[in-house]
Amino acid sequence: MARKALLRGNAGNYRIRGTIWDLGSFAYRAYVHLVPPTTRPDLSWSVVSVDGMTLQEVLGAAKAQVKSTVGTPVERLEVRAVPRNSEPLLGFDHLHGRR
């Protein structure tokens, strides 16, 4: 399993942070974390996952799942390719933009 792309964006009151993984045999999976603002304790953190046979299919399914979960469409989504020889993830800090 190899990381293919990192996701960042917004949907309503939520920040989107996620990763698309290459599962082999032309299959992909995205794990998307929906992070509410700290000023809204009434909103909860959610994680959704979707599968697809192409990167475009996974992105479309991820956007649809986010809209279904938070009730508002994805407003902005940045997709950044992960270099082949990138260092492995050590924790969840990358989800919040911390290093």
C-alpha atoms as a PDB file:
ATOM      1  CA  MET A   1       0.000   0.000   0.000  1.00  0.00           C
ATOM      2  CA  ALA A   2       1.525   3.325  -1.080  1.00  0.00           C
ATOM      3  CA  ARG A   3       0.398   6.898  -0.534  1.00  0.00           C
ATOM      4  CA  LYS A   4      -0.580   8.579  -3.799  1.00  0.00           C
ATOM      5  CA  ALA A   5      -1.959  11.968  -2.731  1.00  0.00           C
ATOM      6  CA  LEU A   6      -2.693  14.219   0.225  1.00  0.00           C
ATOM      7  CA  LEU A   7      -6.022  16.055   0.478  1.00  0.00           C
ATOM      8  CA  ARG A   8      -6.745  19.425   2.113  1.00  0.00           C
ATOM      9  CA  GLY A   9      -9.828  21.563   1.871  1.00  0.00           C
ATOM     10  CA  ASN A  10     -13.066  22.822   3.396  1.00  0.00           C
ATOM     11  CA  ALA A  11     -16.703  21.799   3.528  1.00  0.00           C
ATOM     12  CA  GLY A  12     -18.968  24.064   5.534  1.00  0.00           C
ATOM     13  CA  ASN A  13     -17.576  24.402   9.059  1.00  0.00           C
ATOM     14  CA  TYR A  14     -15.169  21.492   8.588  1.00  0.00           C
ATOM     15  CA  ARG A  15     -11.567  21.323   7.454  1.00  0.00           C
ATOM     16  CA  ILE A  16     -10.773  18.338   5.236  1.00  0.00           C
ATOM     17  CA  ARG A  17      -7.514  16.419   5.663  1.00  0.00           C
ATOM     18  CA  GLY A  18      -6.919  13.084   4.018  1.00  0.00           C
ATOM     19  CA  THR A  19      -4.800  10.637   2.089  1.00  0.00           C
ATOM     20  CA  ILE A  20      -5.370   8.548  -1.017  1.00  0.00           C
ATOM     21  CA  TRP A  21      -3.669   5.150  -0.964  1.00  0.00           C
ATOM     22  CA  ASP A  22      -2.773   2.902  -3.886  1.00  0.00           C
ATOM     23  CA  LEU A  23      -4.001  -0.594  -2.984  1.00  0.00           C
ATOM     24  CA  GLY A  24      -2.492  -2.258  -6.066  1.00  0.00           C
ATOM     25  CA  SER A  25      -4.281  -3.774  -9.049  1.00  0.00           C
ATOM     26  CA  PHE A  26      -5.496  -0.286 -10.011  1.00  0.00           C
ATOM     27  CA  ALA A  27      -7.546   0.135  -6.827  1.00  0.00           C
ATOM     28  CA  TYR A  28      -7.427   3.181  -4.537  1.00  0.00           C
ATOM     29  CA  ARG A  29      -8.783   4.113  -1.099  1.00  0.00           C
ATOM     30  CA  ALA A  30      -9.174   7.556   0.456  1.00  0.00           C
ATOM     31  CA  TYR A  31      -9.362   8.203   4.172  1.00  0.00           C
ATOM     32  CA  VAL A  32     -10.789  11.659   4.828  1.00  0.00           C
ATOM     33  CA  HIS A  33     -10.764  13.339   8.244  1.00  0.00           C
ATOM     34  CA  LEU A  34     -13.430  15.994   8.816  1.00  0.00           C
ATOM     35  CA  VAL A  35     -12.102  18.338  11.472  1.00  0.00           C
ATOM     36  CA  PRO A  36     -14.502  20.831  13.080  1.00  0.00           C
ATOM     37  CA  PRO A  37     -13.246  24.213  14.288  1.00  0.00           C
ATOM     38  CA  THR A  38     -12.330  24.327  17.968  1.00  0.00           C
ATOM     39  CA  THR A  39     -14.855  27.144  18.380  1.00  0.00           C
ATOM     40  CA  ARG A  40     -17.694  24.708  17.611  1.00  0.00           C
ATOM     41  CA  PRO A  41     -17.769  22.036  20.341  1.00  0.00           C
ATOM     42  CA  ASP A  42     -21.208  20.969  19.069  1.00  0.00           C
ATOM     43  CA  LEU A  43     -19.607  19.501  15.914  1.00  0.00           C
ATOM     44  CA  SER A  44     -17.803  16.164  16.027  1.00  0.00           C
ATOM     45  CA  TRP A  45     -14.694  14.860  14.277  1.00  0.00           C
ATOM     46  CA  SER A  46     -15.494  12.293  11.575  1.00  0.00           C
ATOM     47  CA  VAL A  47     -13.492   9.957   9.361  1.00  0.00           C
ATOM     48  CA  VAL A  48     -14.854   8.615   6.086  1.00  0.00           C
ATOM     49  CA  SER A  49     -13.293   6.165   3.665  1.00  0.00           C
ATOM     50  CA  VAL A  50     -14.117   5.435   0.047  1.00  0.00           C
ATOM     51  CA  ASP A  51     -12.747   3.065  -2.587  1.00  0.00           C
ATOM     52  CA  GLY A  52     -12.467   3.323  -6.349  1.00  0.00           C
ATOM     53  CA  MET A  53     -10.691   1.975  -9.394  1.00  0.00           C
ATOM     54  CA  THR A  54      -9.280   5.362 -10.473  1.00  0.00           C
ATOM     55  CA  LEU A  55      -8.062   8.446  -8.647  1.00  0.00           C
ATOM     56  CA  GLN A  56     -10.899  10.459 -10.201  1.00  0.00           C
ATOM     57  CA  GLU A  57     -13.458   7.921  -8.985  1.00  0.00           C
ATOM     58  CA  VAL A  58     -12.045   8.053  -5.453  1.00  0.00           C
ATOM     59  CA  LEU A  59     -12.051  11.872  -5.437  1.00  0.00           C
ATOM     60  CA  GLY A  60     -15.656  11.981  -6.630  1.00  0.00           C
ATOM     61  CA  ALA A  61     -16.737   9.406  -4.062  1.00  0.00           C
ATOM     62  CA  ALA A  62     -14.864  11.260  -1.307  1.00  0.00           C
ATOM     63  CA  LYS A  63     -16.607  14.550  -2.178  1.00  0.00           C
ATOM     64  CA  ALA A  64     -19.988  12.807  -2.200  1.00  0.00           C
ATOM     65  CA  GLN A  65     -19.323  11.117   1.163  1.00  0.00           C
ATOM     66  CA  VAL A  66     -18.190  14.398   2.731  1.00  0.00           C
ATOM     67  CA  LYS A  67     -21.364  16.132   1.497  1.00  0.00           C
ATOM     68  CA  SER A  68     -23.485  13.282   2.868  1.00  0.00           C
ATOM     69  CA  THR A  69     -21.705  13.388   6.243  1.00  0.00           C
ATOM     70  CA  VAL A  70     -21.583  17.140   6.905  1.00  0.00           C
ATOM     71  CA  GLY A  71     -24.589  18.219   4.835  1.00  0.00           C
ATOM     72  CA  THR A  72     -22.729  20.715   2.666  1.00  0.00           C
ATOM     73  CA  PRO A  73     -20.642  20.273  -0.488  1.00  0.00           C
ATOM     74  CA  VAL A  74     -16.865  20.460  -0.597  1.00  0.00           C
ATOM     75  CA  GLU A  75     -16.014  24.122  -1.201  1.00  0.00           C
ATOM     76  CA  ARG A  76     -12.314  23.717  -1.875  1.00  0.00           C
ATOM     77  CA  LEU A  77     -10.163  20.623  -2.264  1.00  0.00           C
ATOM     78  CA  GLU A  78      -6.420  20.667  -2.843  1.00  0.00           C
ATOM     79  CA  VAL A  79      -4.925  17.405  -4.084  1.00  0.00           C
ATOM     80  CA  ARG A  80      -1.156  17.109  -3.779  1.00  0.00           C
ATOM     81  CA  ALA A  81       0.747  14.156  -5.248  1.00  0.00           C
ATOM     82  CA  VAL A  82       3.070  12.306  -2.895  1.00  0.00           C
ATOM     83  CA  PRO A  83       6.581  11.707  -4.299  1.00  0.00           C
ATOM     84  CA  ARG A  84       7.473   8.040  -4.718  1.00  0.00           C
ATOM     85  CA  ASN A  85      10.297   8.077  -2.187  1.00  0.00           C
ATOM     86  CA  SER A  86       8.633  10.250   0.439  1.00  0.00           C
ATOM     87  CA  GLU A  87       9.192   9.580   4.103  1.00  0.00           C
ATOM     88  CA  PRO A  88       6.501   7.565   5.920  1.00  0.00           C
ATOM     89  CA  LEU A  89       3.908   9.229   8.100  1.00  0.00           C
ATOM     90  CA  LEU A  90       4.762   9.152  11.780  1.00  0.00           C
ATOM     91  CA  GLY A  91       1.548  10.512  13.252  1.00  0.00           C
ATOM     92  CA  PHE A  92      -1.572  12.566  12.761  1.00  0.00           C
ATOM     93  CA  ASP A  93       0.131  15.978  12.973  1.00  0.00           C
ATOM     94  CA  HIS A  94       0.089  16.272   9.163  1.00  0.00           C
ATOM     95  CA  LEU A  95      -3.718  16.339   9.316  1.00  0.00           C
ATOM     96  CA  HIS A  96      -3.656  19.607  11.220  1.00  0.00           C
ATOM     97  CA  GLY A  97      -0.806  21.258   9.364  1.00  0.00           C
ATOM     98  CA  ARG A  98       1.594  20.845  12.329  1.00  0.00           C
ATOM     99  CA  ARG A  99       5.144  19.543  12.110  1.00  0.00           C
END
